[in-house]
Amino acid sequence: MDLYSLLREFADSWALLALFVVFITVVVWAFRPGSRRVHDEIANIPFRHEDKPARDAGFAARPQEASK
């Protein structure tokens, strides 16, 4: 048996099984009990400073605009 056939057989069986287990583990971890609060906080990141936007120091501290 040549190397290609050996690797192909491994990929068709054990590697496929390992990747399936990793996928199921990630899905279970994402939907685990208690993770709802974390996902809600992450989903609300764009709305954190909705009433008062955060000050952007990069644009406010330009020397060209300060002298005008």
PDB file of N, CA and C in Angstrom:
ATOM      1  N   MET A   1       0.847  -1.174   0.000  1.00  0.00           N
ATOM      2  CA  MET A   1       0.000   0.000   0.000  1.00  0.00           C
ATOM      3  C   MET A   1       0.899   1.246   0.000  1.00  0.00           C
ATOM      4  N   ASP A   2       0.642   2.140  -0.922  1.00  0.00           N
ATOM      5  CA  ASP A   2       1.449   3.345  -0.994  1.00  0.00           C
ATOM      6  C   ASP A   2       0.956   4.389   0.021  1.00  0.00           C
ATOM      7  N   LEU A   3       1.729   5.423   0.185  1.00  0.00           N
ATOM      8  CA  LEU A   3       1.458   6.443   1.199  1.00  0.00           C
ATOM      9  C   LEU A   3       0.138   7.167   0.927  1.00  0.00           C
ATOM     10  N   TYR A   4      -0.146   7.474  -0.330  1.00  0.00           N
ATOM     11  CA  TYR A   4      -1.381   8.176  -0.668  1.00  0.00           C
ATOM     12  C   TYR A   4      -2.599   7.365  -0.239  1.00  0.00           C
ATOM     13  N   SER A   5      -2.618   6.115  -0.541  1.00  0.00           N
ATOM     14  CA  SER A   5      -3.761   5.270  -0.178  1.00  0.00           C
ATOM     15  C   SER A   5      -3.909   5.162   1.329  1.00  0.00           C
ATOM     16  N   LEU A   6      -2.790   5.079   2.030  1.00  0.00           N
ATOM     17  CA  LEU A   6      -2.828   5.004   3.488  1.00  0.00           C
ATOM     18  C   LEU A   6      -3.402   6.295   4.089  1.00  0.00           C
ATOM     19  N   LEU A   7      -2.922   7.430   3.613  1.00  0.00           N
ATOM     20  CA  LEU A   7      -3.435   8.717   4.111  1.00  0.00           C
ATOM     21  C   LEU A   7      -4.890   8.919   3.726  1.00  0.00           C
ATOM     22  N   ARG A   8      -5.274   8.484   2.536  1.00  0.00           N
ATOM     23  CA  ARG A   8      -6.661   8.607   2.096  1.00  0.00           C
ATOM     24  C   ARG A   8      -7.580   7.764   2.976  1.00  0.00           C
ATOM     25  N   GLU A   9      -7.146   6.574   3.312  1.00  0.00           N
ATOM     26  CA  GLU A   9      -7.953   5.709   4.172  1.00  0.00           C
ATOM     27  C   GLU A   9      -8.086   6.305   5.576  1.00  0.00           C
ATOM     28  N   PHE A  10      -7.000   6.885   6.087  1.00  0.00           N
ATOM     29  CA  PHE A  10      -7.041   7.534   7.393  1.00  0.00           C
ATOM     30  C   PHE A  10      -7.985   8.735   7.376  1.00  0.00           C
ATOM     31  N   ALA A  11      -7.922   9.538   6.322  1.00  0.00           N
ATOM     32  CA  ALA A  11      -8.776  10.719   6.223  1.00  0.00           C
ATOM     33  C   ALA A  11     -10.246  10.341   6.086  1.00  0.00           C
ATOM     34  N   ASP A  12     -10.523   9.252   5.406  1.00  0.00           N
ATOM     35  CA  ASP A  12     -11.906   8.822   5.217  1.00  0.00           C
ATOM     36  C   ASP A  12     -12.521   8.242   6.478  1.00  0.00           C
ATOM     37  N   SER A  13     -11.711   7.824   7.422  1.00  0.00           N
ATOM     38  CA  SER A  13     -12.280   7.173   8.600  1.00  0.00           C
ATOM     39  C   SER A  13     -12.010   7.975   9.872  1.00  0.00           C
ATOM     40  N   TRP A  14     -10.809   7.922  10.376  1.00  0.00           N
ATOM     41  CA  TRP A  14     -10.515   8.495  11.688  1.00  0.00           C
ATOM     42  C   TRP A  14     -10.470  10.021  11.685  1.00  0.00           C
ATOM     43  N   ALA A  15      -9.951  10.613  10.648  1.00  0.00           N
ATOM     44  CA  ALA A  15      -9.907  12.077  10.597  1.00  0.00           C
ATOM     45  C   ALA A  15     -11.320  12.650  10.483  1.00  0.00           C
ATOM     46  N   LEU A  16     -12.170  11.997   9.718  1.00  0.00           N
ATOM     47  CA  LEU A  16     -13.555  12.433   9.604  1.00  0.00           C
ATOM     48  C   LEU A  16     -14.262  12.336  10.950  1.00  0.00           C
ATOM     49  N   LEU A  17     -14.034  11.257  11.650  1.00  0.00           N
ATOM     50  CA  LEU A  17     -14.620  11.084  12.973  1.00  0.00           C
ATOM     51  C   LEU A  17     -14.100  12.148  13.947  1.00  0.00           C
ATOM     52  N   ALA A  18     -12.801  12.445  13.915  1.00  0.00           N
ATOM     53  CA  ALA A  18     -12.223  13.455  14.807  1.00  0.00           C
ATOM     54  C   ALA A  18     -12.797  14.842  14.520  1.00  0.00           C
ATOM     55  N   LEU A  19     -12.926  15.194  13.256  1.00  0.00           N
ATOM     56  CA  LEU A  19     -13.494  16.500  12.908  1.00  0.00           C
ATOM     57  C   LEU A  19     -14.961  16.603  13.298  1.00  0.00           C
ATOM     58  N   PHE A  20     -15.701  15.517  13.190  1.00  0.00           N
ATOM     59  CA  PHE A  20     -17.092  15.504  13.617  1.00  0.00           C
ATOM     60  C   PHE A  20     -17.196  15.718  15.126  1.00  0.00           C
ATOM     61  N   VAL A  21     -16.321  15.076  15.885  1.00  0.00           N
ATOM     62  CA  VAL A  21     -16.310  15.243  17.345  1.00  0.00           C
ATOM     63  C   VAL A  21     -15.968  16.683  17.710  1.00  0.00           C
ATOM     64  N   VAL A  22     -15.007  17.285  17.026  1.00  0.00           N
ATOM     65  CA  VAL A  22     -14.655  18.684  17.283  1.00  0.00           C
ATOM     66  C   VAL A  22     -15.845  19.589  16.970  1.00  0.00           C
ATOM     67  N   PHE A  23     -16.535  19.357  15.873  1.00  0.00           N
ATOM     68  CA  PHE A  23     -17.697  20.167  15.502  1.00  0.00           C
ATOM     69  C   PHE A  23     -18.793  20.069  16.562  1.00  0.00           C
ATOM     70  N   ILE A  24     -19.114  18.865  16.994  1.00  0.00           N
ATOM     71  CA  ILE A  24     -20.159  18.679  18.006  1.00  0.00           C
ATOM     72  C   ILE A  24     -19.742  19.341  19.321  1.00  0.00           C
ATOM     73  N   THR A  25     -18.466  19.250  19.674  1.00  0.00           N
ATOM     74  CA  THR A  25     -17.971  19.883  20.895  1.00  0.00           C
ATOM     75  C   THR A  25     -18.137  21.395  20.836  1.00  0.00           C
ATOM     76  N   VAL A  26     -17.817  22.010  19.710  1.00  0.00           N
ATOM     77  CA  VAL A  26     -17.956  23.463  19.564  1.00  0.00           C
ATOM     78  C   VAL A  26     -19.429  23.873  19.633  1.00  0.00           C
ATOM     79  N   VAL A  27     -20.307  23.120  19.008  1.00  0.00           N
ATOM     80  CA  VAL A  27     -21.737  23.443  19.043  1.00  0.00           C
ATOM     81  C   VAL A  27     -22.278  23.327  20.461  1.00  0.00           C
ATOM     82  N   VAL A  28     -21.916  22.257  21.163  1.00  0.00           N
ATOM     83  CA  VAL A  28     -22.378  22.079  22.543  1.00  0.00           C
ATOM     84  C   VAL A  28     -21.823  23.189  23.427  1.00  0.00           C
ATOM     85  N   TRP A  29     -20.557  23.584  23.216  1.00  0.00           N
ATOM     86  CA  TRP A  29     -19.953  24.644  24.021  1.00  0.00           C
ATOM     87  C   TRP A  29     -20.644  25.986  23.765  1.00  0.00           C
ATOM     88  N   ALA A  30     -21.019  26.255  22.522  1.00  0.00           N
ATOM     89  CA  ALA A  30     -21.674  27.530  22.195  1.00  0.00           C
ATOM     90  C   ALA A  30     -23.080  27.612  22.786  1.00  0.00           C
ATOM     91  N   PHE A  31     -23.768  26.495  22.870  1.00  0.00           N
ATOM     92  CA  PHE A  31     -25.138  26.488  23.376  1.00  0.00           C
ATOM     93  C   PHE A  31     -25.235  25.946  24.796  1.00  0.00           C
ATOM     94  N   ARG A  32     -24.143  25.969  25.532  1.00  0.00           N
ATOM     95  CA  ARG A  32     -24.152  25.445  26.898  1.00  0.00           C
ATOM     96  C   ARG A  32     -25.002  26.333  27.802  1.00  0.00           C
ATOM     97  N   PRO A  33     -25.549  25.758  28.861  1.00  0.00           N
ATOM     98  CA  PRO A  33     -26.312  26.581  29.804  1.00  0.00           C
ATOM     99  C   PRO A  33     -25.396  27.614  30.468  1.00  0.00           C
ATOM    100  N   GLY A  34     -25.875  28.801  30.619  1.00  0.00           N
ATOM    101  CA  GLY A  34     -25.087  29.852  31.251  1.00  0.00           C
ATOM    102  C   GLY A  34     -24.334  30.742  30.277  1.00  0.00           C
ATOM    103  N   SER A  35     -24.330  30.413  29.005  1.00  0.00           N
ATOM    104  CA  SER A  35     -23.597  31.248  28.052  1.00  0.00           C
ATOM    105  C   SER A  35     -24.482  32.322  27.423  1.00  0.00           C
ATOM    106  N   ARG A  36     -25.756  32.330  27.772  1.00  0.00           N
ATOM    107  CA  ARG A  36     -26.682  33.305  27.189  1.00  0.00           C
ATOM    108  C   ARG A  36     -26.273  34.734  27.540  1.00  0.00           C
ATOM    109  N   ARG A  37     -25.848  34.974  28.775  1.00  0.00           N
ATOM    110  CA  ARG A  37     -25.452  36.322  29.194  1.00  0.00           C
ATOM    111  C   ARG A  37     -24.248  36.805  28.383  1.00  0.00           C
ATOM    112  N   VAL A  38     -23.277  35.934  28.168  1.00  0.00           N
ATOM    113  CA  VAL A  38     -22.085  36.308  27.401  1.00  0.00           C
ATOM    114  C   VAL A  38     -22.465  36.646  25.962  1.00  0.00           C
ATOM    115  N   HIS A  39     -23.317  35.824  25.356  1.00  0.00           N
ATOM    116  CA  HIS A  39     -23.721  36.082  23.972  1.00  0.00           C
ATOM    117  C   HIS A  39     -24.557  37.357  23.865  1.00  0.00           C
ATOM    118  N   ASP A  40     -25.381  37.636  24.865  1.00  0.00           N
ATOM    119  CA  ASP A  40     -26.158  38.887  24.852  1.00  0.00           C
ATOM    120  C   ASP A  40     -25.255  40.108  24.961  1.00  0.00           C
ATOM    121  N   GLU A  41     -24.224  40.031  25.805  1.00  0.00           N
ATOM    122  CA  GLU A  41     -23.274  41.150  25.929  1.00  0.00           C
ATOM    123  C   GLU A  41     -22.523  41.377  24.626  1.00  0.00           C
ATOM    124  N   ILE A  42     -22.094  40.312  23.996  1.00  0.00           N
ATOM    125  CA  ILE A  42     -21.366  40.438  22.735  1.00  0.00           C
ATOM    126  C   ILE A  42     -22.272  40.998  21.645  1.00  0.00           C
ATOM    127  N   ALA A  43     -23.533  40.587  21.631  1.00  0.00           N
ATOM    128  CA  ALA A  43     -24.462  41.072  20.611  1.00  0.00           C
ATOM    129  C   ALA A  43     -24.755  42.562  20.767  1.00  0.00           C
ATOM    130  N   ASN A  44     -24.619  43.111  21.978  1.00  0.00           N
ATOM    131  CA  ASN A  44     -24.933  44.513  22.226  1.00  0.00           C
ATOM    132  C   ASN A  44     -23.722  45.439  22.145  1.00  0.00           C
ATOM    133  N   ILE A  45     -22.586  44.958  21.709  1.00  0.00           N
ATOM    134  CA  ILE A  45     -21.390  45.799  21.602  1.00  0.00           C
ATOM    135  C   ILE A  45     -21.627  47.040  20.726  1.00  0.00           C
ATOM    136  N   PRO A  46     -22.278  46.945  19.577  1.00  0.00           N
ATOM    137  CA  PRO A  46     -22.467  48.156  18.760  1.00  0.00           C
ATOM    138  C   PRO A  46     -23.358  49.215  19.415  1.00  0.00           C
ATOM    139  N   PHE A  47     -24.141  48.846  20.416  1.00  0.00           N
ATOM    140  CA  PHE A  47     -25.081  49.784  21.024  1.00  0.00           C
ATOM    141  C   PHE A  47     -24.620  50.295  22.386  1.00  0.00           C
ATOM    142  N   ARG A  48     -23.381  50.065  22.764  1.00  0.00           N
ATOM    143  CA  ARG A  48     -22.904  50.464  24.091  1.00  0.00           C
ATOM    144  C   ARG A  48     -22.946  51.966  24.306  1.00  0.00           C
ATOM    145  N   HIS A  49     -22.531  52.736  23.322  1.00  0.00           N
ATOM    146  CA  HIS A  49     -22.452  54.189  23.467  1.00  0.00           C
ATOM    147  C   HIS A  49     -23.492  54.856  22.564  1.00  0.00           C
ATOM    148  N   GLU A  50     -24.693  54.334  22.560  1.00  0.00           N
ATOM    149  CA  GLU A  50     -25.716  54.856  21.669  1.00  0.00           C
ATOM    150  C   GLU A  50     -26.164  56.266  22.063  1.00  0.00           C
ATOM    151  N   ASP A  51     -26.312  56.536  23.363  1.00  0.00           N
ATOM    152  CA  ASP A  51     -26.773  57.851  23.791  1.00  0.00           C
ATOM    153  C   ASP A  51     -25.650  58.886  23.815  1.00  0.00           C
ATOM    154  N   LYS A  52     -24.424  58.471  24.085  1.00  0.00           N
ATOM    155  CA  LYS A  52     -23.287  59.378  24.093  1.00  0.00           C
ATOM    156  C   LYS A  52     -22.100  58.653  23.454  1.00  0.00           C
ATOM    157  N   PRO A  53     -21.815  58.912  22.188  1.00  0.00           N
ATOM    158  CA  PRO A  53     -20.740  58.193  21.504  1.00  0.00           C
ATOM    159  C   PRO A  53     -19.393  58.392  22.191  1.00  0.00           C
ATOM    160  N   ALA A  54     -18.569  57.370  22.116  1.00  0.00           N
ATOM    161  CA  ALA A  54     -17.230  57.456  22.695  1.00  0.00           C
ATOM    162  C   ALA A  54     -16.413  58.470  21.913  1.00  0.00           C
ATOM    163  N   ARG A  55     -15.566  59.208  22.586  1.00  0.00           N
ATOM    164  CA  ARG A  55     -14.728  60.218  21.949  1.00  0.00           C
ATOM    165  C   ARG A  55     -13.590  59.537  21.226  1.00  0.00           C
ATOM    166  N   ASP A  56     -13.370  59.902  19.997  1.00  0.00           N
ATOM    167  CA  ASP A  56     -12.293  59.314  19.202  1.00  0.00           C
ATOM    168  C   ASP A  56     -11.084  60.226  19.286  1.00  0.00           C
ATOM    169  N   ALA A  57     -10.070  59.815  20.011  1.00  0.00           N
ATOM    170  CA  ALA A  57      -8.877  60.638  20.220  1.00  0.00           C
ATOM    171  C   ALA A  57      -8.065  60.800  18.946  1.00  0.00           C
ATOM    172  N   GLY A  58      -8.198  59.893  17.998  1.00  0.00           N
ATOM    173  CA  GLY A  58      -7.426  59.961  16.766  1.00  0.00           C
ATOM    174  C   GLY A  58      -7.781  61.164  15.915  1.00  0.00           C
ATOM    175  N   PHE A  59      -9.039  61.539  15.865  1.00  0.00           N
ATOM    176  CA  PHE A  59      -9.452  62.670  15.048  1.00  0.00           C
ATOM    177  C   PHE A  59      -9.407  63.981  15.818  1.00  0.00           C
ATOM    178  N   ALA A  60      -9.594  63.962  17.111  1.00  0.00           N
ATOM    179  CA  ALA A  60      -9.642  65.194  17.889  1.00  0.00           C
ATOM    180  C   ALA A  60      -8.269  65.784  18.139  1.00  0.00           C
ATOM    181  N   ALA A  61      -7.222  65.005  18.069  1.00  0.00           N
ATOM    182  CA  ALA A  61      -5.895  65.480  18.424  1.00  0.00           C
ATOM    183  C   ALA A  61      -5.009  65.788  17.226  1.00  0.00           C
ATOM    184  N   ARG A  62      -5.585  66.063  16.078  1.00  0.00           N
ATOM    185  CA  ARG A  62      -4.772  66.385  14.901  1.00  0.00           C
ATOM    186  C   ARG A  62      -4.258  67.811  14.996  1.00  0.00           C
ATOM    187  N   PRO A  63      -2.964  68.031  14.803  1.00  0.00           N
ATOM    188  CA  PRO A  63      -2.416  69.373  14.907  1.00  0.00           C
ATOM    189  C   PRO A  63      -2.869  70.305  13.779  1.00  0.00           C
ATOM    190  N   GLN A  64      -3.168  69.778  12.570  1.00  0.00           N
ATOM    191  CA  GLN A  64      -3.570  70.653  11.479  1.00  0.00           C
ATOM    192  C   GLN A  64      -4.924  71.285  11.774  1.00  0.00           C
ATOM    193  N   GLU A  65      -5.844  70.526  12.312  1.00  0.00           N
ATOM    194  CA  GLU A  65      -7.178  71.052  12.570  1.00  0.00           C
ATOM    195  C   GLU A  65      -7.200  71.942  13.802  1.00  0.00           C
ATOM    196  N   ALA A  66      -6.315  71.739  14.739  1.00  0.00           N
ATOM    197  CA  ALA A  66      -6.281  72.558  15.959  1.00  0.00           C
ATOM    198  C   ALA A  66      -5.821  73.973  15.659  1.00  0.00           C
ATOM    199  N   SER A  67      -4.962  74.152  14.646  1.00  0.00           N
ATOM    200  CA  SER A  67      -4.434  75.487  14.341  1.00  0.00           C
ATOM    201  C   SER A  67      -5.381  76.294  13.468  1.00  0.00           C
ATOM    202  N   LYS A  68      -6.352  75.682  12.857  1.00  0.00           N
ATOM    203  CA  LYS A  68      -7.262  76.416  11.950  1.00  0.00           C
ATOM    204  C   LYS A  68      -8.314  77.158  12.700  1.00  0.00           C
TER     205      LYS A  68
END
